[in-house]
Amino acid sequence: MNRRTLVILAALACMAVTALPLSAQISKTGTTAAKFLAIPVGPRAVAMGGAFSAVTDDASAMYWNPSGLAFATQNEAIVSHSEWIADLNFNYGGVILPIPEFGTLGVNITSLTMGEMERTTETSPDGTGEFFNASSVAIGLSYARNLTDWFAVGVNFKYINETIWNSSASGFAVDFGTIFETPFDGLKFAAVMSNFGDKMQLSGDDLLVQKDISPQAGNNPNINANLSTDRFDIPLNLRIGFSYEVLKSASQALIVALDATYPNDNSENLSIGAEYSAFNDLISLRAGYRGIGMQDSEESFTVGGGIRYGIVGNLGVKVDYAFQDFGRLKDVHQFALGILF
């Protein structure tokens, strides 16, 4: 690693660290709805610690930075699965289609599901015999293009729905991102705003109750009423990222990346990661560290790898895996299968 590389990496680290506030803040954890939107998507990005906003160029870009779709060179379909904390199932699927002279279109779906749970009440703490489940889903449509040879923009519009038993909440949001290829060879800068949209409020049959609105008046004590819940923000997030190609040749490459994240429901934090590819992208090894500076975080190091194999012509397949350490919580393993066509 030459002196110029060290200077660039040191400058990026200093910029990101100084951007984080030094004073303590009141915890904002647990103050938003649709928190599943903050779960990282794709083993490649997860293995790099989530430092991916300036790296992404595949179907997972619709989550990390939709402008990354502008760098895709092939049609791609991806399916990702992980068993999330507390036995939740987290899945992501996406398809992208680069269209010459127009840009790249993409569609995506993200879901978080759980098994059935027995309903309990104050009078039946051991269970009522009734069962319920909960689920969350987001469906998105993306578009990105290069405005110049060094600047790309992208947007992802999405519909969000969360359901628990007989009640649900819905909303719309948009992600907007940019990637700037700097004059320094191999150095990219990214800025992303995710989940800018409606507040969400639960409604449904579970909020219908019978109420005596005036006990002293001697009226009907079983008046139908509808409870009203608060309206909650969704997890708005601003991410600033850098990536730098430390090594690039015909057969191998090494990328290092850093992301500074500013969420509205947690403390500001940093993520760092690296990806080494060899044999013309046949094999990739990745590692990172996520959530540096986050309050009460159980997240830490991440590792993973992938294989990319061309079958015939433009047809190829990608298999990726990531391991994410969650300290006292359950470790998370994420897998993905991608088809290039």
Foldseek 3Di string as FASTA:
>chain_A
DDPVVVVVVVVVVVVQVVVFDDDDDDALAPFFPPQVLVDQDDQVCVQFQNLPLQPAQDFSCLSRALQSVQNHDFWKKKKKWKQDFPRKIKIKIKTKDQDPPFWIKMKMKIKIWDDKDFDADPVRNVGDPDIKIKMKMKIKIKTKHAPDPFKIKMKIKIKIKIDIGFKIKIWIFMKIKMKGDDPPPFKIKMKIKGGPIFWIWMFGDVQWFFAQPDVVPPDDGGHIDGDTDDTGGHWIKIKIKMKGWPDDDQFKTKMKMKMWMPIPRWHIFMKIKMKIAGRRNQKIWMKIFYGHPTPPFQWTIKIWMKGKDADDDQWIKIKIKMWTGRHPTDIMIMIMIMITD
